[in-house]
Amino acid sequence: MNEITYEDFQRVDIRVGTIVEAAPLEGARKPAFRLLIDFGPELGTRKSSAQITVHYAPEALIGRQVAAVVNFPARQIGKFMSQVLTLGFPAEDGSVVLFAPDRAVPNGGRLF
């Protein structure tokens, strides 16, 4: 594994936000949800595609806080433009488990 500097880490802008909308993403090659995440007044809401259908249902995601990289370029997923990368870890079966704070924190907070 290559080491990075603290300055390298600081270039990746990881923020916390609350999911305000979640629905199946039509046209994705792999099952995914389209998410609308509120990152607070500074960043507003952003869209994300997330392959988290194994462990989560759309209605259970509403109101849940998640972490996302907010400074990657937008990425086209089928007909959907994903603006942020929602973060998660692989379960034993390779499915995605969301990365989130264990307590509620203000939307838009930056990981450090």
N, C-alpha and C. Protein backbone atom coordinates (compact mmCIF):
# COMPACT_ATOMS: atom_id res chain seq x y z
N MET A 1 0.84 -1.17 0.00
CA MET A 1 0.00 0.00 0.00
C MET A 1 0.89 1.24 0.00
N ASN A 2 0.55 2.19 -0.84
CA ASN A 2 1.30 3.44 -0.91
C ASN A 2 0.86 4.38 0.20
N GLU A 3 1.82 5.01 0.86
CA GLU A 3 1.50 6.00 1.87
C GLU A 3 1.15 7.32 1.20
N ILE A 4 0.29 8.11 1.87
CA ILE A 4 -0.03 9.44 1.39
C ILE A 4 0.29 10.43 2.50
N THR A 5 0.32 11.68 2.16
CA THR A 5 0.56 12.71 3.15
C THR A 5 -0.78 13.19 3.71
N TYR A 6 -0.70 13.94 4.81
CA TYR A 6 -1.92 14.52 5.37
C TYR A 6 -2.55 15.49 4.37
N GLU A 7 -1.73 16.18 3.61
CA GLU A 7 -2.23 17.10 2.58
C GLU A 7 -3.02 16.33 1.52
N ASP A 8 -2.56 15.13 1.16
CA ASP A 8 -3.32 14.28 0.22
C ASP A 8 -4.70 13.97 0.80
N PHE A 9 -4.75 13.58 2.05
CA PHE A 9 -6.01 13.27 2.72
C PHE A 9 -6.94 14.47 2.72
N GLN A 10 -6.40 15.64 2.98
CA GLN A 10 -7.22 16.86 3.04
C GLN A 10 -7.83 17.22 1.69
N ARG A 11 -7.26 16.74 0.61
CA ARG A 11 -7.82 17.01 -0.72
C ARG A 11 -9.12 16.25 -0.95
N VAL A 12 -9.35 15.16 -0.22
CA VAL A 12 -10.59 14.40 -0.35
C VAL A 12 -11.59 14.97 0.64
N ASP A 13 -12.65 15.58 0.11
CA ASP A 13 -13.65 16.26 0.94
C ASP A 13 -14.79 15.28 1.26
N ILE A 14 -14.75 14.71 2.47
CA ILE A 14 -15.76 13.75 2.92
C ILE A 14 -16.67 14.47 3.91
N ARG A 15 -17.96 14.50 3.58
CA ARG A 15 -18.94 15.20 4.40
C ARG A 15 -20.05 14.25 4.83
N VAL A 16 -20.76 14.65 5.88
CA VAL A 16 -21.91 13.90 6.34
C VAL A 16 -23.17 14.60 5.85
N GLY A 17 -24.16 13.79 5.49
CA GLY A 17 -25.44 14.33 5.05
C GLY A 17 -26.56 13.38 5.41
N THR A 18 -27.79 13.87 5.30
CA THR A 18 -28.97 13.07 5.61
C THR A 18 -29.73 12.75 4.33
N ILE A 19 -30.05 11.49 4.15
CA ILE A 19 -30.80 11.05 2.97
C ILE A 19 -32.23 11.57 3.09
N VAL A 20 -32.68 12.32 2.08
CA VAL A 20 -34.04 12.87 2.08
C VAL A 20 -34.94 12.18 1.05
N GLU A 21 -34.35 11.52 0.07
CA GLU A 21 -35.10 10.74 -0.92
C GLU A 21 -34.27 9.52 -1.29
N ALA A 22 -34.98 8.39 -1.53
CA ALA A 22 -34.31 7.17 -1.97
C ALA A 22 -35.30 6.36 -2.81
N ALA A 23 -34.83 5.87 -3.95
CA ALA A 23 -35.68 5.08 -4.84
C ALA A 23 -34.79 4.20 -5.71
N PRO A 24 -35.34 3.10 -6.26
CA PRO A 24 -34.55 2.27 -7.16
C PRO A 24 -34.04 3.10 -8.35
N LEU A 25 -32.83 2.82 -8.77
CA LEU A 25 -32.23 3.52 -9.91
C LEU A 25 -32.49 2.71 -11.17
N GLU A 26 -33.36 3.22 -12.00
CA GLU A 26 -33.68 2.56 -13.27
C GLU A 26 -32.52 2.69 -14.24
N GLY A 27 -32.21 1.63 -14.97
CA GLY A 27 -31.18 1.66 -16.00
C GLY A 27 -29.78 1.37 -15.50
N ALA A 28 -29.59 1.10 -14.21
CA ALA A 28 -28.26 0.76 -13.70
C ALA A 28 -27.93 -0.69 -14.06
N ARG A 29 -26.66 -0.96 -14.36
CA ARG A 29 -26.25 -2.33 -14.68
C ARG A 29 -26.38 -3.25 -13.49
N LYS A 30 -26.07 -2.74 -12.30
CA LYS A 30 -26.21 -3.50 -11.06
C LYS A 30 -27.29 -2.82 -10.22
N PRO A 31 -28.06 -3.59 -9.43
CA PRO A 31 -29.11 -2.96 -8.62
C PRO A 31 -28.54 -1.85 -7.74
N ALA A 32 -29.22 -0.71 -7.77
CA ALA A 32 -28.76 0.46 -7.02
C ALA A 32 -29.95 1.34 -6.67
N PHE A 33 -29.71 2.25 -5.75
CA PHE A 33 -30.70 3.27 -5.40
C PHE A 33 -30.18 4.62 -5.84
N ARG A 34 -31.09 5.49 -6.19
CA ARG A 34 -30.74 6.90 -6.39
C ARG A 34 -31.10 7.60 -5.09
N LEU A 35 -30.16 8.35 -4.59
CA LEU A 35 -30.33 9.03 -3.31
C LEU A 35 -30.25 10.54 -3.51
N LEU A 36 -31.03 11.27 -2.73
CA LEU A 36 -30.88 12.71 -2.61
C LEU A 36 -30.46 12.96 -1.17
N ILE A 37 -29.29 13.57 -1.01
CA ILE A 37 -28.68 13.73 0.31
C ILE A 37 -28.54 15.21 0.63
N ASP A 38 -29.00 15.59 1.82
CA ASP A 38 -28.90 16.99 2.28
C ASP A 38 -27.59 17.16 3.04
N PHE A 39 -26.70 18.00 2.49
CA PHE A 39 -25.41 18.27 3.11
C PHE A 39 -25.39 19.62 3.82
N GLY A 40 -26.54 20.16 4.14
CA GLY A 40 -26.60 21.41 4.89
C GLY A 40 -26.53 22.63 4.00
N PRO A 41 -26.56 23.82 4.62
CA PRO A 41 -26.66 25.06 3.85
C PRO A 41 -25.48 25.36 2.94
N GLU A 42 -24.29 24.94 3.30
CA GLU A 42 -23.11 25.26 2.47
C GLU A 42 -23.13 24.51 1.14
N LEU A 43 -23.49 23.23 1.16
CA LEU A 43 -23.46 22.39 -0.05
C LEU A 43 -24.84 22.10 -0.62
N GLY A 44 -25.87 22.19 0.19
CA GLY A 44 -27.23 21.89 -0.28
C GLY A 44 -27.43 20.40 -0.49
N THR A 45 -28.36 20.04 -1.37
CA THR A 45 -28.64 18.63 -1.64
C THR A 45 -27.85 18.19 -2.87
N ARG A 46 -27.44 16.94 -2.82
CA ARG A 46 -26.68 16.34 -3.93
C ARG A 46 -27.25 14.95 -4.22
N LYS A 47 -27.11 14.51 -5.47
CA LYS A 47 -27.59 13.20 -5.89
C LYS A 47 -26.46 12.18 -5.86
N SER A 48 -26.83 10.94 -5.54
CA SER A 48 -25.85 9.86 -5.52
C SER A 48 -26.49 8.56 -5.96
N SER A 49 -25.71 7.74 -6.63
CA SER A 49 -26.11 6.37 -6.94
C SER A 49 -25.37 5.46 -5.97
N ALA A 50 -26.10 4.53 -5.35
CA ALA A 50 -25.46 3.66 -4.36
C ALA A 50 -25.94 2.23 -4.52
N GLN A 51 -25.01 1.30 -4.65
CA GLN A 51 -25.32 -0.12 -4.78
C GLN A 51 -25.47 -0.74 -3.39
N ILE A 52 -26.54 -0.38 -2.71
CA ILE A 52 -26.76 -0.77 -1.32
C ILE A 52 -28.08 -1.54 -1.16
N THR A 53 -28.54 -2.17 -2.24
CA THR A 53 -29.87 -2.79 -2.23
C THR A 53 -29.93 -4.08 -1.41
N VAL A 54 -28.82 -4.70 -1.09
CA VAL A 54 -28.83 -5.96 -0.33
C VAL A 54 -29.27 -5.73 1.11
N HIS A 55 -28.78 -4.69 1.73
CA HIS A 55 -29.01 -4.47 3.16
C HIS A 55 -30.04 -3.38 3.49
N TYR A 56 -30.48 -2.63 2.49
CA TYR A 56 -31.33 -1.47 2.78
C TYR A 56 -32.53 -1.43 1.85
N ALA A 57 -33.62 -0.89 2.36
CA ALA A 57 -34.82 -0.60 1.57
C ALA A 57 -34.93 0.91 1.46
N PRO A 58 -35.44 1.43 0.34
CA PRO A 58 -35.49 2.89 0.17
C PRO A 58 -36.16 3.62 1.34
N GLU A 59 -37.29 3.11 1.80
CA GLU A 59 -38.03 3.79 2.87
C GLU A 59 -37.24 3.81 4.19
N ALA A 60 -36.39 2.83 4.42
CA ALA A 60 -35.58 2.78 5.65
C ALA A 60 -34.38 3.73 5.58
N LEU A 61 -34.05 4.20 4.39
CA LEU A 61 -32.90 5.10 4.22
C LEU A 61 -33.25 6.56 4.52
N ILE A 62 -34.51 6.92 4.39
CA ILE A 62 -34.92 8.30 4.62
C ILE A 62 -34.61 8.70 6.06
N GLY A 63 -33.91 9.81 6.22
CA GLY A 63 -33.54 10.31 7.54
C GLY A 63 -32.23 9.76 8.07
N ARG A 64 -31.62 8.83 7.36
CA ARG A 64 -30.36 8.23 7.79
C ARG A 64 -29.18 9.10 7.36
N GLN A 65 -28.22 9.29 8.25
CA GLN A 65 -27.02 10.03 7.89
C GLN A 65 -25.99 9.10 7.26
N VAL A 66 -25.29 9.61 6.26
CA VAL A 66 -24.25 8.87 5.55
C VAL A 66 -23.06 9.79 5.31
N ALA A 67 -21.93 9.20 4.98
CA ALA A 67 -20.74 9.95 4.60
C ALA A 67 -20.56 9.82 3.10
N ALA A 68 -20.06 10.89 2.48
CA ALA A 68 -19.86 10.88 1.03
C ALA A 68 -18.70 11.79 0.65
N VAL A 69 -18.02 11.42 -0.43
CA VAL A 69 -17.00 12.29 -1.02
C VAL A 69 -17.75 13.28 -1.90
N VAL A 70 -17.57 14.57 -1.62
CA VAL A 70 -18.35 15.58 -2.33
C VAL A 70 -17.54 16.35 -3.38
N ASN A 71 -16.25 16.04 -3.51
CA ASN A 71 -15.45 16.80 -4.48
C ASN A 71 -14.89 15.96 -5.63
N PHE A 72 -15.51 14.82 -5.91
CA PHE A 72 -15.21 14.09 -7.14
C PHE A 72 -16.05 14.70 -8.27
N PRO A 73 -15.61 14.57 -9.52
CA PRO A 73 -16.46 15.02 -10.62
C PRO A 73 -17.74 14.18 -10.67
N ALA A 74 -18.82 14.77 -11.18
CA ALA A 74 -20.07 14.03 -11.35
C ALA A 74 -19.84 12.87 -12.31
N ARG A 75 -20.62 11.80 -12.11
CA ARG A 75 -20.43 10.59 -12.91
C ARG A 75 -21.78 10.12 -13.44
N GLN A 76 -21.84 9.83 -14.73
CA GLN A 76 -23.06 9.36 -15.37
C GLN A 76 -23.27 7.88 -15.07
N ILE A 77 -24.42 7.53 -14.48
CA ILE A 77 -24.80 6.14 -14.19
C ILE A 77 -26.11 5.91 -14.93
N GLY A 78 -26.03 5.28 -16.11
CA GLY A 78 -27.23 5.15 -16.94
C GLY A 78 -27.69 6.55 -17.33
N LYS A 79 -28.96 6.85 -17.04
CA LYS A 79 -29.49 8.18 -17.33
C LYS A 79 -29.39 9.12 -16.13
N PHE A 80 -28.74 8.67 -15.07
CA PHE A 80 -28.66 9.40 -13.81
C PHE A 80 -27.27 10.00 -13.64
N MET A 81 -27.20 11.25 -13.18
CA MET A 81 -25.92 11.90 -12.92
C MET A 81 -25.67 11.89 -11.41
N SER A 82 -24.68 11.10 -10.99
CA SER A 82 -24.32 11.00 -9.59
C SER A 82 -23.31 12.08 -9.25
N GLN A 83 -23.62 12.90 -8.25
CA GLN A 83 -22.79 14.05 -7.91
C GLN A 83 -21.82 13.79 -6.77
N VAL A 84 -22.11 12.80 -5.93
CA VAL A 84 -21.24 12.48 -4.80
C VAL A 84 -21.07 10.96 -4.71
N LEU A 85 -20.00 10.53 -4.05
CA LEU A 85 -19.76 9.10 -3.84
C LEU A 85 -20.12 8.76 -2.40
N THR A 86 -21.24 8.05 -2.22
CA THR A 86 -21.66 7.61 -0.90
C THR A 86 -20.74 6.49 -0.46
N LEU A 87 -20.24 6.55 0.77
CA LEU A 87 -19.20 5.62 1.22
C LEU A 87 -19.76 4.43 1.99
N GLY A 88 -19.12 3.29 1.81
CA GLY A 88 -19.49 2.08 2.53
C GLY A 88 -18.33 1.12 2.56
N PHE A 89 -18.54 0.03 3.28
CA PHE A 89 -17.54 -1.03 3.40
C PHE A 89 -18.13 -2.33 2.88
N PRO A 90 -17.28 -3.25 2.39
CA PRO A 90 -17.80 -4.53 1.90
C PRO A 90 -18.12 -5.48 3.05
N ALA A 91 -19.29 -6.11 2.95
CA ALA A 91 -19.64 -7.20 3.86
C ALA A 91 -18.91 -8.46 3.36
N GLU A 92 -19.02 -9.55 4.10
CA GLU A 92 -18.34 -10.79 3.70
C GLU A 92 -18.74 -11.25 2.31
N ASP A 93 -19.99 -11.00 1.93
CA ASP A 93 -20.47 -11.44 0.61
C ASP A 93 -20.19 -10.42 -0.49
N GLY A 94 -19.50 -9.32 -0.15
CA GLY A 94 -19.17 -8.30 -1.14
C GLY A 94 -20.21 -7.20 -1.26
N SER A 95 -21.35 -7.36 -0.63
CA SER A 95 -22.37 -6.31 -0.65
C SER A 95 -21.89 -5.12 0.18
N VAL A 96 -22.55 -3.97 -0.01
CA VAL A 96 -22.08 -2.73 0.63
C VAL A 96 -22.87 -2.42 1.90
N VAL A 97 -22.12 -2.10 2.96
CA VAL A 97 -22.68 -1.63 4.23
C VAL A 97 -22.28 -0.16 4.35
N LEU A 98 -23.25 0.72 4.57
CA LEU A 98 -22.98 2.15 4.62
C LEU A 98 -22.05 2.54 5.76
N PHE A 99 -21.25 3.57 5.51
CA PHE A 99 -20.38 4.20 6.50
C PHE A 99 -21.11 5.44 7.00
N ALA A 100 -21.31 5.53 8.32
CA ALA A 100 -22.08 6.63 8.88
C ALA A 100 -21.64 6.92 10.30
N PRO A 101 -21.91 8.14 10.79
CA PRO A 101 -21.59 8.44 12.19
C PRO A 101 -22.49 7.63 13.12
N ASP A 102 -22.01 7.35 14.32
CA ASP A 102 -22.82 6.57 15.27
C ASP A 102 -23.74 7.45 16.10
N ARG A 103 -23.63 8.76 15.92
CA ARG A 103 -24.54 9.73 16.55
C ARG A 103 -24.88 10.79 15.51
N ALA A 104 -26.03 11.42 15.68
CA ALA A 104 -26.42 12.50 14.76
C ALA A 104 -25.44 13.66 14.90
N VAL A 105 -25.03 14.19 13.77
CA VAL A 105 -24.14 15.34 13.71
C VAL A 105 -24.72 16.32 12.67
N PRO A 106 -24.31 17.58 12.70
CA PRO A 106 -24.85 18.53 11.73
C PRO A 106 -24.49 18.14 10.29
N ASN A 107 -25.47 18.25 9.41
CA ASN A 107 -25.22 17.98 7.99
C ASN A 107 -24.16 18.93 7.48
N GLY A 108 -23.27 18.39 6.64
CA GLY A 108 -22.20 19.18 6.04
C GLY A 108 -20.89 19.09 6.79
N GLY A 109 -20.89 18.46 7.97
CA GLY A 109 -19.65 18.32 8.73
C GLY A 109 -18.62 17.55 7.92
N ARG A 110 -17.37 18.00 8.00
CA ARG A 110 -16.29 17.38 7.23
C ARG A 110 -15.53 16.38 8.09
N LEU A 111 -15.22 15.23 7.49
CA LEU A 111 -14.42 14.21 8.16
C LEU A 111 -12.99 14.71 8.34
N PHE A 112 -12.45 14.52 9.54
CA PHE A 112 -11.04 14.86 9.77
C PHE A 112 -10.43 13.81 10.65
